[in-house]
Amino acid sequence: MIQGIGYALYEERALDPATGLVLSTGLEDYRIPGMADVPEIDLHWDEAGFEHVAGGGVGLGEVVALPVAAAIANAVHDATGRRQYALPIRPDRVIEPGGAR
């Protein structure tokens, strides 16, 4: 969940417009969320288990990041009426004409 908040609000891959080279090449290039940046999170586990999955294994990591970003984008739209199409969602992008693309 916290990774999804970071993806939606902080992470950005910056490119050099002249060369196309990636300028943000590591974690030191953007802020990641800390404890003060995230709300209290209520977790719910699927008590039924995953025996129905071939091999019995299920990943629980990065798969949750994308729905969190979409939920935040929808919350921003509900609050402002402005649809965001680019990440990270930042205040300057929310107020720019036409919304971020």
PDB file of N, CA and C in Angstrom:
ATOM      1  N   MET A   1       0.825  -1.197   0.000  1.00  0.00           N
ATOM      2  CA  MET A   1       0.000   0.000   0.000  1.00  0.00           C
ATOM      3  C   MET A   1       0.863   1.253   0.000  1.00  0.00           C
ATOM      4  N   ILE A   2       1.887   1.265   0.854  1.00  0.00           N
ATOM      5  CA  ILE A   2       2.750   2.440   0.938  1.00  0.00           C
ATOM      6  C   ILE A   2       3.513   2.635  -0.366  1.00  0.00           C
ATOM      7  N   GLN A   3       3.932   1.546  -0.986  1.00  0.00           N
ATOM      8  CA  GLN A   3       4.594   1.644  -2.286  1.00  0.00           C
ATOM      9  C   GLN A   3       3.642   2.266  -3.315  1.00  0.00           C
ATOM     10  N   GLY A   4       2.380   1.929  -3.273  1.00  0.00           N
ATOM     11  CA  GLY A   4       1.393   2.505  -4.182  1.00  0.00           C
ATOM     12  C   GLY A   4       1.196   3.988  -3.955  1.00  0.00           C
ATOM     13  N   ILE A   5       1.219   4.424  -2.692  1.00  0.00           N
ATOM     14  CA  ILE A   5       1.130   5.853  -2.382  1.00  0.00           C
ATOM     15  C   ILE A   5       2.337   6.581  -2.948  1.00  0.00           C
ATOM     16  N   GLY A   6       3.526   6.001  -2.777  1.00  0.00           N
ATOM     17  CA  GLY A   6       4.735   6.604  -3.335  1.00  0.00           C
ATOM     18  C   GLY A   6       4.679   6.674  -4.847  1.00  0.00           C
ATOM     19  N   TYR A   7       4.216   5.606  -5.480  1.00  0.00           N
ATOM     20  CA  TYR A   7       4.091   5.571  -6.938  1.00  0.00           C
ATOM     21  C   TYR A   7       3.151   6.669  -7.433  1.00  0.00           C
ATOM     22  N   ALA A   8       2.048   6.847  -6.749  1.00  0.00           N
ATOM     23  CA  ALA A   8       1.043   7.819  -7.180  1.00  0.00           C
ATOM     24  C   ALA A   8       1.452   9.264  -6.925  1.00  0.00           C
ATOM     25  N   LEU A   9       2.132   9.525  -5.817  1.00  0.00           N
ATOM     26  CA  LEU A   9       2.355  10.907  -5.393  1.00  0.00           C
ATOM     27  C   LEU A   9       3.790  11.411  -5.515  1.00  0.00           C
ATOM     28  N   TYR A  10       4.782  10.519  -5.603  1.00  0.00           N
ATOM     29  CA  TYR A  10       6.169  10.981  -5.547  1.00  0.00           C
ATOM     30  C   TYR A  10       7.053  10.522  -6.702  1.00  0.00           C
ATOM     31  N   GLU A  11       6.877   9.295  -7.159  1.00  0.00           N
ATOM     32  CA  GLU A  11       7.821   8.737  -8.130  1.00  0.00           C
ATOM     33  C   GLU A  11       7.608   9.330  -9.519  1.00  0.00           C
ATOM     34  N   GLU A  12       8.712   9.666 -10.157  1.00  0.00           N
ATOM     35  CA  GLU A  12       8.622  10.186 -11.517  1.00  0.00           C
ATOM     36  C   GLU A  12       9.902   9.858 -12.263  1.00  0.00           C
ATOM     37  N   ARG A  13       9.765   9.304 -13.439  1.00  0.00           N
ATOM     38  CA  ARG A  13      10.921   9.037 -14.283  1.00  0.00           C
ATOM     39  C   ARG A  13      11.139  10.246 -15.173  1.00  0.00           C
ATOM     40  N   ALA A  14      12.211  10.965 -14.929  1.00  0.00           N
ATOM     41  CA  ALA A  14      12.527  12.161 -15.722  1.00  0.00           C
ATOM     42  C   ALA A  14      13.421  11.779 -16.886  1.00  0.00           C
ATOM     43  N   LEU A  15      13.076  12.303 -18.060  1.00  0.00           N
ATOM     44  CA  LEU A  15      13.857  12.046 -19.264  1.00  0.00           C
ATOM     45  C   LEU A  15      14.471  13.331 -19.784  1.00  0.00           C
ATOM     46  N   ASP A  16      15.680  13.225 -20.339  1.00  0.00           N
ATOM     47  CA  ASP A  16      16.314  14.353 -21.006  1.00  0.00           C
ATOM     48  C   ASP A  16      15.615  14.518 -22.354  1.00  0.00           C
ATOM     49  N   PRO A  17      14.965  15.671 -22.600  1.00  0.00           N
ATOM     50  CA  PRO A  17      14.216  15.825 -23.850  1.00  0.00           C
ATOM     51  C   PRO A  17      15.100  15.791 -25.095  1.00  0.00           C
ATOM     52  N   ALA A  18      16.371  16.128 -24.964  1.00  0.00           N
ATOM     53  CA  ALA A  18      17.268  16.149 -26.128  1.00  0.00           C
ATOM     54  C   ALA A  18      17.783  14.763 -26.487  1.00  0.00           C
ATOM     55  N   THR A  19      18.062  13.937 -25.463  1.00  0.00           N
ATOM     56  CA  THR A  19      18.686  12.637 -25.733  1.00  0.00           C
ATOM     57  C   THR A  19      17.785  11.447 -25.443  1.00  0.00           C
ATOM     58  N   GLY A  20      16.744  11.660 -24.622  1.00  0.00           N
ATOM     59  CA  GLY A  20      15.881  10.563 -24.224  1.00  0.00           C
ATOM     60  C   GLY A  20      16.457   9.724 -23.097  1.00  0.00           C
ATOM     61  N   LEU A  21      17.613  10.113 -22.567  1.00  0.00           N
ATOM     62  CA  LEU A  21      18.226   9.375 -21.465  1.00  0.00           C
ATOM     63  C   LEU A  21      17.432   9.573 -20.179  1.00  0.00           C
ATOM     64  N   VAL A  22      17.356   8.522 -19.387  1.00  0.00           N
ATOM     65  CA  VAL A  22      16.671   8.593 -18.101  1.00  0.00           C
ATOM     66  C   VAL A  22      17.550   9.372 -17.127  1.00  0.00           C
ATOM     67  N   LEU A  23      16.986  10.427 -16.536  1.00  0.00           N
ATOM     68  CA  LEU A  23      17.727  11.264 -15.593  1.00  0.00           C
ATOM     69  C   LEU A  23      17.541  10.808 -14.154  1.00  0.00           C
ATOM     70  N   SER A  24      16.406  10.225 -13.842  1.00  0.00           N
ATOM     71  CA  SER A  24      16.140   9.732 -12.479  1.00  0.00           C
ATOM     72  C   SER A  24      16.430   8.237 -12.457  1.00  0.00           C
ATOM     73  N   THR A  25      17.661   7.897 -12.127  1.00  0.00           N
ATOM     74  CA  THR A  25      18.099   6.510 -12.262  1.00  0.00           C
ATOM     75  C   THR A  25      18.120   5.727 -10.959  1.00  0.00           C
ATOM     76  N   GLY A  26      17.782   6.353  -9.839  1.00  0.00           N
ATOM     77  CA  GLY A  26      17.828   5.630  -8.576  1.00  0.00           C
ATOM     78  C   GLY A  26      16.902   6.231  -7.546  1.00  0.00           C
ATOM     79  N   LEU A  27      16.824   5.581  -6.409  1.00  0.00           N
ATOM     80  CA  LEU A  27      15.921   6.014  -5.354  1.00  0.00           C
ATOM     81  C   LEU A  27      16.304   7.359  -4.756  1.00  0.00           C
ATOM     82  N   GLU A  28      17.542   7.804  -4.945  1.00  0.00           N
ATOM     83  CA  GLU A  28      17.936   9.107  -4.410  1.00  0.00           C
ATOM     84  C   GLU A  28      17.375  10.264  -5.225  1.00  0.00           C
ATOM     85  N   ASP A  29      16.766   9.984  -6.365  1.00  0.00           N
ATOM     86  CA  ASP A  29      16.255  11.033  -7.249  1.00  0.00           C
ATOM     87  C   ASP A  29      14.824  11.463  -6.942  1.00  0.00           C
ATOM     88  N   TYR A  30      14.146  10.766  -6.061  1.00  0.00           N
ATOM     89  CA  TYR A  30      12.797  11.182  -5.687  1.00  0.00           C
ATOM     90  C   TYR A  30      12.520  10.759  -4.251  1.00  0.00           C
ATOM     91  N   ARG A  31      11.555  11.415  -3.684  1.00  0.00           N
ATOM     92  CA  ARG A  31      11.186  11.161  -2.294  1.00  0.00           C
ATOM     93  C   ARG A  31      10.293   9.931  -2.217  1.00  0.00           C
ATOM     94  N   ILE A  32      10.541   9.096  -1.230  1.00  0.00           N
ATOM     95  CA  ILE A  32       9.648   7.972  -0.973  1.00  0.00           C
ATOM     96  C   ILE A  32       8.876   8.259   0.307  1.00  0.00           C
ATOM     97  N   PRO A  33       7.648   7.766   0.432  1.00  0.00           N
ATOM     98  CA  PRO A  33       6.840   8.108   1.601  1.00  0.00           C
ATOM     99  C   PRO A  33       7.403   7.525   2.893  1.00  0.00           C
ATOM    100  N   GLY A  34       7.276   8.316   3.934  1.00  0.00           N
ATOM    101  CA  GLY A  34       7.651   7.881   5.272  1.00  0.00           C
ATOM    102  C   GLY A  34       6.399   7.713   6.127  1.00  0.00           C
ATOM    103  N   MET A  35       6.579   7.416   7.366  1.00  0.00           N
ATOM    104  CA  MET A  35       5.454   7.161   8.268  1.00  0.00           C
ATOM    105  C   MET A  35       4.478   8.335   8.342  1.00  0.00           C
ATOM    106  N   ALA A  36       4.986   9.566   8.309  1.00  0.00           N
ATOM    107  CA  ALA A  36       4.114  10.735   8.419  1.00  0.00           C
ATOM    108  C   ALA A  36       3.312  10.987   7.141  1.00  0.00           C
ATOM    109  N   ASP A  37       3.654  10.303   6.049  1.00  0.00           N
ATOM    110  CA  ASP A  37       2.997  10.540   4.762  1.00  0.00           C
ATOM    111  C   ASP A  37       1.819   9.612   4.502  1.00  0.00           C
ATOM    112  N   VAL A  38       1.654   8.597   5.309  1.00  0.00           N
ATOM    113  CA  VAL A  38       0.627   7.600   5.024  1.00  0.00           C
ATOM    114  C   VAL A  38      -0.409   7.543   6.148  1.00  0.00           C
ATOM    115  N   PRO A  39      -1.644   7.262   5.782  1.00  0.00           N
ATOM    116  CA  PRO A  39      -2.686   7.140   6.811  1.00  0.00           C
ATOM    117  C   PRO A  39      -2.574   5.786   7.513  1.00  0.00           C
ATOM    118  N   GLU A  40      -3.363   5.616   8.548  1.00  0.00           N
ATOM    119  CA  GLU A  40      -3.462   4.307   9.177  1.00  0.00           C
ATOM    120  C   GLU A  40      -4.088   3.360   8.147  1.00  0.00           C
ATOM    121  N   ILE A  41      -3.520   2.197   8.009  1.00  0.00           N
ATOM    122  CA  ILE A  41      -3.970   1.240   6.995  1.00  0.00           C
ATOM    123  C   ILE A  41      -4.549   0.018   7.695  1.00  0.00           C
ATOM    124  N   ASP A  42      -5.754  -0.349   7.305  1.00  0.00           N
ATOM    125  CA  ASP A  42      -6.448  -1.501   7.868  1.00  0.00           C
ATOM    126  C   ASP A  42      -6.280  -2.665   6.893  1.00  0.00           C
ATOM    127  N   LEU A  43      -5.629  -3.735   7.310  1.00  0.00           N
ATOM    128  CA  LEU A  43      -5.381  -4.887   6.443  1.00  0.00           C
ATOM    129  C   LEU A  43      -6.413  -5.979   6.655  1.00  0.00           C
ATOM    130  N   HIS A  44      -6.785  -6.621   5.572  1.00  0.00           N
ATOM    131  CA  HIS A  44      -7.716  -7.752   5.613  1.00  0.00           C
ATOM    132  C   HIS A  44      -7.095  -8.888   4.811  1.00  0.00           C
ATOM    133  N   TRP A  45      -7.043 -10.068   5.397  1.00  0.00           N
ATOM    134  CA  TRP A  45      -6.436 -11.223   4.749  1.00  0.00           C
ATOM    135  C   TRP A  45      -7.511 -12.174   4.245  1.00  0.00           C
ATOM    136  N   ASP A  46      -7.225 -12.838   3.134  1.00  0.00           N
ATOM    137  CA  ASP A  46      -8.103 -13.863   2.598  1.00  0.00           C
ATOM    138  C   ASP A  46      -7.862 -15.142   3.397  1.00  0.00           C
ATOM    139  N   GLU A  47      -8.779 -15.441   4.283  1.00  0.00           N
ATOM    140  CA  GLU A  47      -8.619 -16.590   5.180  1.00  0.00           C
ATOM    141  C   GLU A  47      -8.792 -17.923   4.459  1.00  0.00           C
ATOM    142  N   ALA A  48      -9.344 -17.899   3.250  1.00  0.00           N
ATOM    143  CA  ALA A  48      -9.591 -19.144   2.529  1.00  0.00           C
ATOM    144  C   ALA A  48      -8.305 -19.798   2.050  1.00  0.00           C
ATOM    145  N   GLY A  49      -7.233 -19.024   1.931  1.00  0.00           N
ATOM    146  CA  GLY A  49      -5.968 -19.587   1.468  1.00  0.00           C
ATOM    147  C   GLY A  49      -5.842 -19.558  -0.041  1.00  0.00           C
ATOM    148  N   PHE A  50      -4.750 -20.122  -0.513  1.00  0.00           N
ATOM    149  CA  PHE A  50      -4.457 -20.077  -1.948  1.00  0.00           C
ATOM    150  C   PHE A  50      -4.204 -21.463  -2.521  1.00  0.00           C
ATOM    151  N   GLU A  51      -4.814 -22.466  -1.929  1.00  0.00           N
ATOM    152  CA  GLU A  51      -4.618 -23.820  -2.428  1.00  0.00           C
ATOM    153  C   GLU A  51      -5.113 -23.976  -3.863  1.00  0.00           C
ATOM    154  N   HIS A  52      -6.027 -23.125  -4.305  1.00  0.00           N
ATOM    155  CA  HIS A  52      -6.572 -23.209  -5.647  1.00  0.00           C
ATOM    156  C   HIS A  52      -5.598 -22.701  -6.708  1.00  0.00           C
ATOM    157  N   VAL A  53      -4.514 -22.059  -6.289  1.00  0.00           N
ATOM    158  CA  VAL A  53      -3.526 -21.520  -7.226  1.00  0.00           C
ATOM    159  C   VAL A  53      -2.517 -22.618  -7.563  1.00  0.00           C
ATOM    160  N   ALA A  54      -2.262 -22.786  -8.855  1.00  0.00           N
ATOM    161  CA  ALA A  54      -1.290 -23.801  -9.280  1.00  0.00           C
ATOM    162  C   ALA A  54       0.056 -23.556  -8.595  1.00  0.00           C
ATOM    163  N   GLY A  55       0.578 -24.566  -7.937  1.00  0.00           N
ATOM    164  CA  GLY A  55       1.845 -24.433  -7.225  1.00  0.00           C
ATOM    165  C   GLY A  55       1.676 -23.908  -5.814  1.00  0.00           C
ATOM    166  N   GLY A  56       0.505 -23.366  -5.476  1.00  0.00           N
ATOM    167  CA  GLY A  56       0.219 -22.891  -4.127  1.00  0.00           C
ATOM    168  C   GLY A  56       0.850 -21.568  -3.747  1.00  0.00           C
ATOM    169  N   GLY A  57       1.562 -20.927  -4.664  1.00  0.00           N
ATOM    170  CA  GLY A  57       2.231 -19.678  -4.327  1.00  0.00           C
ATOM    171  C   GLY A  57       1.546 -18.472  -4.950  1.00  0.00           C
ATOM    172  N   VAL A  58       1.510 -17.396  -4.198  1.00  0.00           N
ATOM    173  CA  VAL A  58       0.899 -16.159  -4.673  1.00  0.00           C
ATOM    174  C   VAL A  58       1.784 -15.002  -4.242  1.00  0.00           C
ATOM    175  N   GLY A  59       2.085 -14.089  -5.169  1.00  0.00           N
ATOM    176  CA  GLY A  59       2.860 -12.902  -4.825  1.00  0.00           C
ATOM    177  C   GLY A  59       1.981 -11.861  -4.154  1.00  0.00           C
ATOM    178  N   LEU A  60       2.528 -11.167  -3.192  1.00  0.00           N
ATOM    179  CA  LEU A  60       1.758 -10.164  -2.470  1.00  0.00           C
ATOM    180  C   LEU A  60       2.428  -8.799  -2.523  1.00  0.00           C
ATOM    181  N   GLY A  61       3.396  -8.577  -3.394  1.00  0.00           N
ATOM    182  CA  GLY A  61       4.183  -7.350  -3.383  1.00  0.00           C
ATOM    183  C   GLY A  61       3.666  -6.260  -4.281  1.00  0.00           C
ATOM    184  N   GLU A  62       4.325  -6.043  -5.402  1.00  0.00           N
ATOM    185  CA  GLU A  62       4.077  -4.898  -6.260  1.00  0.00           C
ATOM    186  C   GLU A  62       2.690  -4.861  -6.885  1.00  0.00           C
ATOM    187  N   VAL A  63       1.985  -5.970  -6.891  1.00  0.00           N
ATOM    188  CA  VAL A  63       0.674  -6.020  -7.526  1.00  0.00           C
ATOM    189  C   VAL A  63      -0.308  -5.022  -6.905  1.00  0.00           C
ATOM    190  N   VAL A  64      -0.109  -4.630  -5.663  1.00  0.00           N
ATOM    191  CA  VAL A  64      -1.033  -3.704  -5.016  1.00  0.00           C
ATOM    192  C   VAL A  64      -0.740  -2.240  -5.351  1.00  0.00           C
ATOM    193  N   ALA A  65       0.383  -1.927  -5.958  1.00  0.00           N
ATOM    194  CA  ALA A  65       0.754  -0.531  -6.205  1.00  0.00           C
ATOM    195  C   ALA A  65      -0.163   0.152  -7.222  1.00  0.00           C
ATOM    196  N   LEU A  66      -0.524  -0.508  -8.284  1.00  0.00           N
ATOM    197  CA  LEU A  66      -1.315   0.133  -9.338  1.00  0.00           C
ATOM    198  C   LEU A  66      -2.731   0.498  -8.912  1.00  0.00           C
ATOM    199  N   PRO A  67      -3.472  -0.369  -8.225  1.00  0.00           N
ATOM    200  CA  PRO A  67      -4.808   0.048  -7.797  1.00  0.00           C
ATOM    201  C   PRO A  67      -4.790   1.225  -6.825  1.00  0.00           C
ATOM    202  N   VAL A  68      -3.751   1.341  -6.011  1.00  0.00           N
ATOM    203  CA  VAL A  68      -3.655   2.463  -5.079  1.00  0.00           C
ATOM    204  C   VAL A  68      -3.535   3.765  -5.858  1.00  0.00           C
ATOM    205  N   ALA A  69      -2.689   3.792  -6.881  1.00  0.00           N
ATOM    206  CA  ALA A  69      -2.529   4.996  -7.698  1.00  0.00           C
ATOM    207  C   ALA A  69      -3.846   5.365  -8.379  1.00  0.00           C
ATOM    208  N   ALA A  70      -4.558   4.371  -8.894  1.00  0.00           N
ATOM    209  CA  ALA A  70      -5.842   4.642  -9.537  1.00  0.00           C
ATOM    210  C   ALA A  70      -6.860   5.172  -8.526  1.00  0.00           C
ATOM    211  N   ALA A  71      -6.869   4.616  -7.319  1.00  0.00           N
ATOM    212  CA  ALA A  71      -7.794   5.082  -6.287  1.00  0.00           C
ATOM    213  C   ALA A  71      -7.489   6.525  -5.890  1.00  0.00           C
ATOM    214  N   ILE A  72      -6.215   6.873  -5.774  1.00  0.00           N
ATOM    215  CA  ILE A  72      -5.840   8.246  -5.435  1.00  0.00           C
ATOM    216  C   ILE A  72      -6.243   9.188  -6.568  1.00  0.00           C
ATOM    217  N   ALA A  73      -5.999   8.791  -7.808  1.00  0.00           N
ATOM    218  CA  ALA A  73      -6.385   9.624  -8.953  1.00  0.00           C
ATOM    219  C   ALA A  73      -7.903   9.838  -8.974  1.00  0.00           C
ATOM    220  N   ASN A  74      -8.666   8.802  -8.673  1.00  0.00           N
ATOM    221  CA  ASN A  74     -10.124   8.949  -8.627  1.00  0.00           C
ATOM    222  C   ASN A  74     -10.561   9.835  -7.472  1.00  0.00           C
ATOM    223  N   ALA A  75      -9.879   9.754  -6.339  1.00  0.00           N
ATOM    224  CA  ALA A  75     -10.204  10.619  -5.201  1.00  0.00           C
ATOM    225  C   ALA A  75      -9.919  12.077  -5.543  1.00  0.00           C
ATOM    226  N   VAL A  76      -8.815  12.338  -6.236  1.00  0.00           N
ATOM    227  CA  VAL A  76      -8.495  13.706  -6.667  1.00  0.00           C
ATOM    228  C   VAL A  76      -9.565  14.201  -7.632  1.00  0.00           C
ATOM    229  N   HIS A  77     -10.003  13.349  -8.541  1.00  0.00           N
ATOM    230  CA  HIS A  77     -11.061  13.735  -9.483  1.00  0.00           C
ATOM    231  C   HIS A  77     -12.362  14.030  -8.752  1.00  0.00           C
ATOM    232  N   ASP A  78     -12.724  13.175  -7.801  1.00  0.00           N
ATOM    233  CA  ASP A  78     -13.946  13.405  -7.028  1.00  0.00           C
ATOM    234  C   ASP A  78     -13.884  14.717  -6.252  1.00  0.00           C
ATOM    235  N   ALA A  79     -12.702  15.050  -5.726  1.00  0.00           N
ATOM    236  CA  ALA A  79     -12.554  16.254  -4.907  1.00  0.00           C
ATOM    237  C   ALA A  79     -12.448  17.525  -5.737  1.00  0.00           C
ATOM    238  N   THR A  80     -11.873  17.419  -6.934  1.00  0.00           N
ATOM    239  CA  THR A  80     -11.575  18.632  -7.711  1.00  0.00           C
ATOM    240  C   THR A  80     -12.306  18.722  -9.039  1.00  0.00           C
ATOM    241  N   GLY A  81     -12.824  17.591  -9.518  1.00  0.00           N
ATOM    242  CA  GLY A  81     -13.425  17.567 -10.843  1.00  0.00           C
ATOM    243  C   GLY A  81     -12.394  17.512 -11.958  1.00  0.00           C
ATOM    244  N   ARG A  82     -11.126  17.389 -11.616  1.00  0.00           N
ATOM    245  CA  ARG A  82     -10.039  17.366 -12.599  1.00  0.00           C
ATOM    246  C   ARG A  82      -9.457  15.954 -12.675  1.00  0.00           C
ATOM    247  N   ARG A  83      -9.461  15.394 -13.864  1.00  0.00           N
ATOM    248  CA  ARG A  83      -8.926  14.051 -14.080  1.00  0.00           C
ATOM    249  C   ARG A  83      -7.422  14.149 -14.311  1.00  0.00           C
ATOM    250  N   GLN A  84      -6.655  13.307 -13.627  1.00  0.00           N
ATOM    251  CA  GLN A  84      -5.200  13.283 -13.763  1.00  0.00           C
ATOM    252  C   GLN A  84      -4.788  12.080 -14.602  1.00  0.00           C
ATOM    253  N   TYR A  85      -3.950  12.312 -15.595  1.00  0.00           N
ATOM    254  CA  TYR A  85      -3.506  11.244 -16.485  1.00  0.00           C
ATOM    255  C   TYR A  85      -2.009  10.987 -16.396  1.00  0.00           C
ATOM    256  N   ALA A  86      -1.313  11.698 -15.520  1.00  0.00           N
ATOM    257  CA  ALA A  86       0.132  11.523 -15.370  1.00  0.00           C
ATOM    258  C   ALA A  86       0.479  11.364 -13.897  1.00  0.00           C
ATOM    259  N   LEU A  87       1.497  10.563 -13.657  1.00  0.00           N
ATOM    260  CA  LEU A  87       2.010  10.389 -12.307  1.00  0.00           C
ATOM    261  C   LEU A  87       3.392  11.007 -12.232  1.00  0.00           C
ATOM    262  N   PRO A  88       3.779  11.530 -11.119  1.00  0.00           N
ATOM    263  CA  PRO A  88       3.037  11.586  -9.875  1.00  0.00           C
ATOM    264  C   PRO A  88       1.960  12.666  -9.915  1.00  0.00           C
ATOM    265  N   ILE A  89       0.942  12.488  -9.113  1.00  0.00           N
ATOM    266  CA  ILE A  89      -0.127  13.476  -8.972  1.00  0.00           C
ATOM    267  C   ILE A  89       0.394  14.540  -8.016  1.00  0.00           C
ATOM    268  N   ARG A  90       0.556  15.755  -8.537  1.00  0.00           N
ATOM    269  CA  ARG A  90       1.091  16.863  -7.736  1.00  0.00           C
ATOM    270  C   ARG A  90       0.128  18.034  -7.811  1.00  0.00           C
ATOM    271  N   PRO A  91       0.130  18.894  -6.792  1.00  0.00           N
ATOM    272  CA  PRO A  91      -0.776  20.047  -6.793  1.00  0.00           C
ATOM    273  C   PRO A  91      -0.640  20.918  -8.043  1.00  0.00           C
ATOM    274  N   ASP A  92       0.579  21.147  -8.514  1.00  0.00           N
ATOM    275  CA  ASP A  92       0.753  21.987  -9.697  1.00  0.00           C
ATOM    276  C   ASP A  92       0.114  21.367 -10.933  1.00  0.00           C
ATOM    277  N   ARG A  93       0.094  20.042 -11.012  1.00  0.00           N
ATOM    278  CA  ARG A  93      -0.552  19.374 -12.144  1.00  0.00           C
ATOM    279  C   ARG A  93      -2.067  19.407 -12.029  1.00  0.00           C
ATOM    280  N   VAL A  94      -2.565  19.362 -10.802  1.00  0.00           N
ATOM    281  CA  VAL A  94      -4.025  19.378 -10.608  1.00  0.00           C
ATOM    282  C   VAL A  94      -4.596  20.724 -11.047  1.00  0.00           C
ATOM    283  N   ILE A  95      -3.871  21.818 -10.804  1.00  0.00           N
ATOM    284  CA  ILE A  95      -4.405  23.140 -11.124  1.00  0.00           C
ATOM    285  C   ILE A  95      -4.063  23.619 -12.525  1.00  0.00           C
ATOM    286  N   GLU A  96      -3.188  22.934 -13.249  1.00  0.00           N
ATOM    287  CA  GLU A  96      -2.853  23.418 -14.592  1.00  0.00           C
ATOM    288  C   GLU A  96      -4.026  23.214 -15.545  1.00  0.00           C
ATOM    289  N   PRO A  97      -4.192  24.103 -16.502  1.00  0.00           N
ATOM    290  CA  PRO A  97      -5.316  24.002 -17.436  1.00  0.00           C
ATOM    291  C   PRO A  97      -5.336  22.662 -18.168  1.00  0.00           C
ATOM    292  N   GLY A  98      -6.486  22.038 -18.194  1.00  0.00           N
ATOM    293  CA  GLY A  98      -6.637  20.778 -18.902  1.00  0.00           C
ATOM    294  C   GLY A  98      -6.219  19.550 -18.106  1.00  0.00           C
ATOM    295  N   GLY A  99      -5.647  19.732 -16.926  1.00  0.00           N
ATOM    296  CA  GLY A  99      -5.176  18.599 -16.135  1.00  0.00           C
ATOM    297  C   GLY A  99      -3.883  18.032 -16.698  1.00  0.00           C
ATOM    298  N   ALA A 100      -3.204  17.224 -15.928  1.00  0.00           N
ATOM    299  CA  ALA A 100      -1.926  16.643 -16.363  1.00  0.00           C
ATOM    300  C   ALA A 100      -2.164  15.530 -17.351  1.00  0.00           C
ATOM    301  N   ARG A 101      -1.303  15.462 -18.330  1.00  0.00           N
ATOM    302  CA  ARG A 101      -1.378  14.375 -19.330  1.00  0.00           C
ATOM    303  C   ARG A 101      -0.057  13.687 -19.435  1.00  0.00           C
TER     304      ARG A 101
END
